[in-house]
Amino acid sequence: MASFIPNRTPLVEIPKDELLALIRSYTPEKLARFIDVTDLKADTQEPKIRLLAEWAIKYNCASVCVNPVEVDIMPLLLKGTSVKNCYVIDFPLGKLDPEMKARQTELVVKKNRELRAEGKGKMELDMVINVGRFKRDHKYALEEINAVCDAADGELVKVIVRSSELTEEEVWKVAEMVALSKAQFIKNSTGMDAFGALPDHMWIMRQVVGSNKGVKASGGMADALTALRLMWAAAKDTTLQVPERFRFGTSSPLNIINTMSTLLSNAEELVINNKPCQLCPYYPTGKMSPELKEYSEKRCPGCIYEKYRN
């Protein structure tokens, strides 16, 4: 497990030639394998759930990620395919206690297995930690993560840490808790937080959890270039570029898949038109808590990209 690093902004500087090489190594079909097709909105109805399943099956995506209520529909839609069912646990706030989180997990696992009837390994669970309790006691997160993992009975668990509500040091520390836990993945966001996936946080998570666990990027991805920047940060090594070690969670899967072809045709131009501050977790201060806003504004002076901020 890597030790905490000194403050430096930005943490991630993506060399143009390396990003171009990564882009050219992918096709729309290859990129789709990393996608967890997602819809977690309160007003989502059955026709959209069926459409998500159709997309995921057609493009051979990793999973379909939905709210637990859909466990009465989704297992039947994906039965007989390689696409996994994925359900969020204690979403989006993470404010249930560990026992309640575990009970919700048990119920979802039981019902999914009954309806899909294909044994273990056909479902995944994305749980949300209690950020407030984590800030007070880091090991509280470890306790609740392991409670969910035990209740999951061998099914894959991804841990949503809501990194937009954490300082850099806290992102590092929560990743340490995930690294020590029984979970298989760390995930940055619910997609409903102050901001979504950014390279710096993806990089920290990979540095801490190492190569034996997965990293999932979620929130703010609407195109292939954004997705591949995150892959470079969290899965630069080709051995990590497998769905067991890296994922994207997105409600815009078709946009990512379709823009991959455009990216391959115009990679040089699109990579050059990068706006560095928009990739920085210290930039979107308007949506942050006052404490994090103050913390973030202190990171800009001295940054090599400070001139771009205004």
Protein backbone atom coordinates (compact mmCIF):
# COMPACT_ATOMS: atom_id res chain seq x y z
CA MET A 1 0.00 0.00 0.00
CA ALA A 2 1.51 3.34 -1.07
CA SER A 3 2.23 6.05 1.52
CA PHE A 4 0.65 9.49 1.35
CA ILE A 5 2.39 11.82 -1.10
CA PRO A 6 3.35 15.48 -0.63
CA ASN A 7 0.95 18.14 -1.90
CA ARG A 8 1.37 18.79 -5.59
CA THR A 9 -1.06 20.22 -8.11
CA PRO A 10 -1.82 18.68 -10.48
CA LEU A 11 -1.15 15.13 -9.34
CA VAL A 12 -1.75 13.81 -12.84
CA GLU A 13 -0.16 15.18 -15.99
CA ILE A 14 -1.10 13.03 -18.96
CA PRO A 15 1.56 13.04 -21.71
CA LYS A 16 -0.04 13.63 -25.08
CA ASP A 17 1.79 10.77 -26.76
CA GLU A 18 0.72 8.27 -24.08
CA LEU A 19 -2.91 9.37 -24.25
CA LEU A 20 -2.89 9.11 -28.05
CA ALA A 21 -1.40 5.62 -27.84
CA LEU A 22 -4.14 4.58 -25.39
CA ILE A 23 -6.86 6.02 -27.63
CA ARG A 24 -5.54 4.17 -30.69
CA SER A 25 -5.49 0.89 -28.82
CA TYR A 26 -9.29 0.99 -28.37
CA THR A 27 -12.37 0.53 -30.51
CA PRO A 28 -16.00 1.26 -29.60
CA GLU A 29 -16.59 -2.45 -29.00
CA LYS A 30 -13.52 -2.85 -26.79
CA LEU A 31 -14.36 0.22 -24.70
CA ALA A 32 -17.94 -0.96 -24.13
CA ARG A 33 -16.70 -3.96 -22.11
CA PHE A 34 -15.75 -1.61 -19.25
CA ILE A 35 -19.14 0.11 -18.96
CA ASP A 36 -21.62 -0.32 -16.13
CA VAL A 37 -24.76 0.99 -17.84
CA THR A 38 -26.46 3.07 -15.15
CA ASP A 39 -29.79 4.70 -14.32
CA LEU A 40 -30.40 5.62 -10.67
CA LYS A 41 -32.99 8.36 -11.07
CA ALA A 42 -36.04 8.43 -8.82
CA ASP A 43 -38.54 8.55 -11.70
CA THR A 44 -37.10 5.75 -13.86
CA GLN A 45 -39.80 3.37 -15.07
CA GLU A 46 -39.82 -0.15 -16.52
CA PRO A 47 -39.46 0.81 -20.22
CA LYS A 48 -36.13 2.51 -19.43
CA ILE A 49 -34.98 -0.49 -17.38
CA ARG A 50 -35.66 -2.74 -20.35
CA LEU A 51 -33.79 -0.35 -22.64
CA LEU A 52 -30.74 -0.41 -20.35
CA ALA A 53 -30.69 -4.19 -20.55
CA GLU A 54 -30.98 -4.09 -24.34
CA TRP A 55 -28.05 -1.68 -24.63
CA ALA A 56 -25.88 -3.68 -22.28
CA ILE A 57 -26.56 -6.97 -24.06
CA LYS A 58 -26.11 -5.47 -27.54
CA TYR A 59 -22.74 -3.87 -26.75
CA ASN A 60 -21.52 -6.55 -24.31
CA CYS A 61 -21.18 -4.14 -21.39
CA ALA A 62 -20.00 -5.27 -17.96
CA SER A 63 -23.23 -4.71 -16.02
CA VAL A 64 -26.45 -2.78 -15.63
CA CYS A 65 -26.46 -0.72 -12.41
CA VAL A 66 -29.87 0.19 -10.97
CA ASN A 67 -31.67 0.83 -7.70
CA PRO A 68 -32.52 -2.25 -5.57
CA VAL A 69 -36.24 -1.99 -6.35
CA GLU A 70 -35.46 -3.17 -9.89
CA VAL A 71 -34.37 -6.58 -8.55
CA ASP A 72 -37.81 -7.87 -9.52
CA ILE A 73 -37.16 -7.07 -13.22
CA MET A 74 -33.47 -6.90 -14.03
CA PRO A 75 -32.43 -10.51 -13.25
CA LEU A 76 -34.98 -11.81 -15.75
CA LEU A 77 -33.85 -9.34 -18.44
CA LEU A 78 -30.17 -10.34 -18.16
CA LYS A 79 -30.61 -14.05 -17.48
CA GLY A 80 -28.63 -16.17 -19.93
CA THR A 81 -26.24 -13.35 -20.87
CA SER A 82 -22.72 -12.38 -19.74
CA VAL A 83 -23.98 -9.00 -18.45
CA LYS A 84 -24.18 -8.78 -14.65
CA ASN A 85 -26.89 -7.27 -12.49
CA CYS A 86 -25.56 -4.44 -10.32
CA TYR A 87 -27.47 -2.80 -7.46
CA VAL A 88 -26.62 0.20 -5.29
CA ILE A 89 -26.72 -0.23 -1.52
CA ASP A 90 -27.69 2.64 0.82
CA PHE A 91 -27.73 5.02 -2.12
CA PRO A 92 -26.96 7.90 -2.44
CA LEU A 93 -26.23 9.14 1.10
CA GLY A 94 -24.74 6.09 2.80
CA LYS A 95 -26.40 6.97 6.09
CA LEU A 96 -27.71 3.56 7.15
CA ASP A 97 -25.79 1.86 9.93
CA PRO A 98 -23.69 -1.24 9.05
CA GLU A 99 -26.37 -3.69 10.20
CA MET A 100 -29.02 -2.03 8.00
CA LYS A 101 -26.63 -1.91 5.04
CA ALA A 102 -25.94 -5.61 5.50
CA ARG A 103 -29.63 -6.48 5.70
CA GLN A 104 -30.40 -4.59 2.49
CA THR A 105 -27.53 -6.44 0.82
CA GLU A 106 -28.79 -9.85 1.98
CA LEU A 107 -32.28 -9.21 0.62
CA VAL A 108 -31.04 -8.02 -2.78
CA VAL A 109 -28.61 -10.93 -3.16
CA LYS A 110 -31.28 -13.47 -2.21
CA LYS A 111 -33.89 -12.15 -4.62
CA ASN A 112 -31.48 -11.68 -7.53
CA ARG A 113 -30.20 -15.25 -7.19
CA GLU A 114 -33.73 -16.65 -6.99
CA LEU A 115 -34.90 -14.87 -10.14
CA ARG A 116 -31.77 -15.18 -12.26
CA ALA A 117 -31.20 -18.76 -11.08
CA GLU A 118 -27.63 -18.92 -12.36
CA GLY A 119 -25.73 -19.17 -9.08
CA LYS A 120 -23.05 -16.90 -7.70
CA GLY A 121 -21.04 -14.43 -9.75
CA LYS A 122 -23.89 -12.94 -11.77
CA MET A 123 -24.39 -9.79 -9.71
CA GLU A 124 -22.48 -6.87 -8.16
CA LEU A 125 -23.20 -4.36 -5.40
CA ASP A 126 -22.11 -0.70 -5.28
CA MET A 127 -22.34 0.45 -1.65
CA VAL A 128 -22.04 4.02 -0.34
CA ILE A 129 -19.96 4.70 2.76
CA ASN A 130 -21.07 7.06 5.52
CA VAL A 131 -18.76 10.00 4.75
CA GLY A 132 -19.61 11.86 7.96
CA ARG A 133 -18.73 8.90 10.16
CA PHE A 134 -15.59 8.23 8.11
CA LYS A 135 -14.34 11.76 8.76
CA ARG A 136 -14.76 11.20 12.50
CA ASP A 137 -13.42 7.64 12.58
CA HIS A 138 -11.66 6.21 9.53
CA LYS A 139 -12.12 2.63 10.68
CA TYR A 140 -15.89 3.03 10.73
CA ALA A 141 -15.73 2.80 6.94
CA LEU A 142 -13.81 -0.46 7.16
CA GLU A 143 -16.45 -1.88 9.50
CA GLU A 144 -19.39 -1.05 7.26
CA ILE A 145 -17.61 -2.17 4.07
CA ASN A 146 -16.86 -5.58 5.57
CA ALA A 147 -20.41 -5.89 6.89
CA VAL A 148 -21.73 -5.49 3.34
CA CYS A 149 -19.10 -7.84 1.92
CA ASP A 150 -20.02 -10.54 4.41
CA ALA A 151 -23.71 -10.13 3.57
CA ALA A 152 -22.92 -10.23 -0.16
CA ASP A 153 -21.91 -13.90 0.22
CA GLY A 154 -19.12 -13.81 -2.34
CA GLU A 155 -20.66 -11.35 -4.82
CA LEU A 156 -18.44 -8.50 -6.01
CA VAL A 157 -18.65 -5.30 -3.94
CA LYS A 158 -17.65 -1.81 -5.10
CA VAL A 159 -17.25 0.92 -2.48
CA ILE A 160 -18.52 4.42 -3.34
CA VAL A 161 -16.48 6.91 -1.29
CA ARG A 162 -18.00 10.23 -2.51
CA SER A 163 -14.53 11.68 -3.12
CA SER A 164 -15.83 15.15 -4.04
CA GLU A 165 -16.63 15.59 -0.32
CA LEU A 166 -13.11 14.66 0.79
CA THR A 167 -9.74 16.37 0.94
CA GLU A 168 -6.84 14.82 -0.94
CA GLU A 169 -5.58 13.33 2.33
CA GLU A 170 -9.03 11.86 3.04
CA VAL A 171 -9.28 10.36 -0.45
CA TRP A 172 -5.97 8.67 0.24
CA LYS A 173 -7.13 7.46 3.67
CA VAL A 174 -10.48 6.11 2.52
CA ALA A 175 -8.71 4.25 -0.28
CA GLU A 176 -6.53 2.67 2.42
CA MET A 177 -9.67 1.45 4.19
CA VAL A 178 -10.94 -0.09 0.94
CA ALA A 179 -7.53 -1.68 0.35
CA LEU A 180 -7.72 -3.31 3.79
CA SER A 181 -11.32 -4.44 3.31
CA LYS A 182 -12.95 -7.46 1.71
CA ALA A 183 -14.33 -5.32 -1.16
CA GLN A 184 -13.06 -5.77 -4.71
CA PHE A 185 -13.44 -2.20 -6.05
CA ILE A 186 -13.25 1.43 -5.02
CA LYS A 187 -15.53 3.91 -6.78
CA ASN A 188 -15.37 7.71 -6.58
CA SER A 189 -18.93 8.94 -6.82
CA THR A 190 -22.67 8.32 -6.78
CA GLY A 191 -22.95 10.52 -9.87
CA MET A 192 -25.02 12.92 -7.74
CA ASP A 193 -22.13 14.49 -5.82
CA ALA A 194 -20.46 17.90 -6.19
CA PHE A 195 -18.50 16.58 -9.15
CA GLY A 196 -17.79 13.27 -10.81
CA ALA A 197 -14.68 11.36 -11.79
CA LEU A 198 -11.45 13.32 -12.29
CA PRO A 199 -7.97 11.97 -13.06
CA ASP A 200 -6.35 13.07 -9.79
CA HIS A 201 -8.74 11.09 -7.61
CA MET A 202 -8.58 8.07 -9.92
CA TRP A 203 -4.79 8.17 -9.70
CA ILE A 204 -4.80 8.34 -5.89
CA MET A 205 -7.17 5.39 -5.65
CA ARG A 206 -5.02 3.23 -7.90
CA GLN A 207 -1.83 4.17 -6.07
CA VAL A 208 -3.38 3.08 -2.78
CA VAL A 209 -5.36 -0.05 -3.66
CA GLY A 210 -2.66 -1.37 -5.99
CA SER A 211 -3.22 -3.91 -8.73
CA ASN A 212 -5.23 -6.46 -6.75
CA LYS A 213 -8.43 -4.40 -6.57
CA GLY A 214 -10.47 -2.52 -9.13
CA VAL A 215 -11.12 1.20 -9.59
CA LYS A 216 -14.43 2.47 -10.96
CA ALA A 217 -14.91 5.96 -12.36
CA SER A 218 -18.41 7.43 -12.11
CA GLY A 219 -20.03 10.77 -12.89
CA GLY A 220 -19.35 13.39 -15.54
CA MET A 221 -18.51 11.05 -18.41
CA ALA A 222 -20.32 11.79 -21.64
CA ASP A 223 -17.66 10.99 -24.23
CA ALA A 224 -14.85 8.54 -24.97
CA LEU A 225 -12.00 11.03 -24.48
CA THR A 226 -13.11 11.80 -20.91
CA ALA A 227 -13.40 8.08 -20.22
CA LEU A 228 -9.96 7.26 -21.59
CA ARG A 229 -8.29 10.05 -19.61
CA LEU A 230 -9.68 8.39 -16.50
CA MET A 231 -8.49 5.01 -17.67
CA TRP A 232 -4.98 6.42 -18.14
CA ALA A 233 -5.02 7.73 -14.56
CA ALA A 234 -6.40 4.57 -12.96
CA ALA A 235 -5.34 1.77 -15.30
CA LYS A 236 -2.34 2.95 -17.28
CA ASP A 237 -0.74 -0.49 -17.09
CA THR A 238 -2.30 -2.76 -19.72
CA THR A 239 -2.63 -5.54 -17.14
CA LEU A 240 -5.21 -3.34 -15.37
CA GLN A 241 -7.19 -2.71 -18.53
CA VAL A 242 -9.66 -5.50 -17.89
CA PRO A 243 -13.21 -5.19 -16.50
CA GLU A 244 -12.10 -6.97 -13.32
CA ARG A 245 -9.74 -4.07 -12.52
CA PHE A 246 -11.34 -1.00 -14.10
CA ARG A 247 -14.86 0.21 -14.89
CA PHE A 248 -16.82 3.24 -16.02
CA GLY A 249 -20.26 3.93 -14.56
CA THR A 250 -22.33 6.06 -16.92
CA SER A 251 -25.91 6.92 -17.79
CA SER A 252 -24.66 7.88 -21.29
CA PRO A 253 -23.24 4.58 -22.60
CA LEU A 254 -24.22 5.21 -26.21
CA ASN A 255 -22.46 8.59 -26.19
CA ILE A 256 -19.24 7.01 -24.98
CA ILE A 257 -19.45 4.16 -27.47
CA ASN A 258 -20.40 6.39 -30.42
CA THR A 259 -17.83 9.11 -29.71
CA MET A 260 -15.03 6.52 -29.70
CA SER A 261 -15.20 6.40 -33.50
CA THR A 262 -15.02 10.20 -33.73
CA LEU A 263 -12.12 10.23 -31.30
CA LEU A 264 -10.15 7.77 -33.39
CA SER A 265 -10.63 10.03 -36.43
CA ASN A 266 -9.71 13.30 -34.67
CA ALA A 267 -7.54 12.26 -31.74
CA GLU A 268 -4.73 14.80 -32.25
CA GLU A 269 -7.08 17.79 -32.41
CA LEU A 270 -9.29 16.69 -29.52
CA VAL A 271 -6.38 15.95 -27.19
CA ILE A 272 -4.73 19.33 -27.88
CA ASN A 273 -7.94 21.21 -27.01
CA ASN A 274 -7.67 20.16 -23.38
CA LYS A 275 -8.65 22.67 -20.64
CA PRO A 276 -6.60 21.55 -17.63
CA CYS A 277 -8.57 23.26 -14.84
CA GLN A 278 -11.72 21.40 -15.89
CA LEU A 279 -9.92 18.13 -15.07
CA CYS A 280 -8.85 19.28 -11.60
CA PRO A 281 -10.71 18.39 -8.37
CA TYR A 282 -9.82 21.80 -6.93
CA TYR A 283 -11.59 23.73 -9.71
CA PRO A 284 -15.39 23.17 -9.27
CA THR A 285 -15.56 25.02 -5.96
CA GLY A 286 -19.06 26.39 -6.52
CA LYS A 287 -20.63 23.06 -5.51
CA MET A 288 -18.32 22.29 -2.58
CA SER A 289 -18.83 22.71 1.13
CA PRO A 290 -17.27 25.90 2.55
CA GLU A 291 -14.48 23.88 4.16
CA LEU A 292 -13.55 22.09 0.95
CA LYS A 293 -13.86 25.30 -1.06
CA GLU A 294 -11.31 26.98 1.21
CA TYR A 295 -9.07 23.91 1.04
CA SER A 296 -9.27 23.78 -2.76
CA GLU A 297 -8.59 27.47 -3.34
CA LYS A 298 -5.29 27.11 -1.51
CA ARG A 299 -4.13 24.56 -4.08
CA CYS A 300 -4.20 26.86 -7.11
CA PRO A 301 -1.33 29.28 -6.32
CA GLY A 302 1.82 27.74 -7.70
CA CYS A 303 0.04 25.23 -9.93
CA ILE A 304 1.63 25.03 -13.37
CA TYR A 305 -1.83 25.59 -14.88
CA GLU A 306 -2.86 28.53 -12.67
CA LYS A 307 -2.96 30.89 -15.65
CA TYR A 308 -5.86 28.90 -17.11
CA ARG A 309 -8.14 29.29 -14.10
CA ASN A 310 -9.64 32.64 -15.09
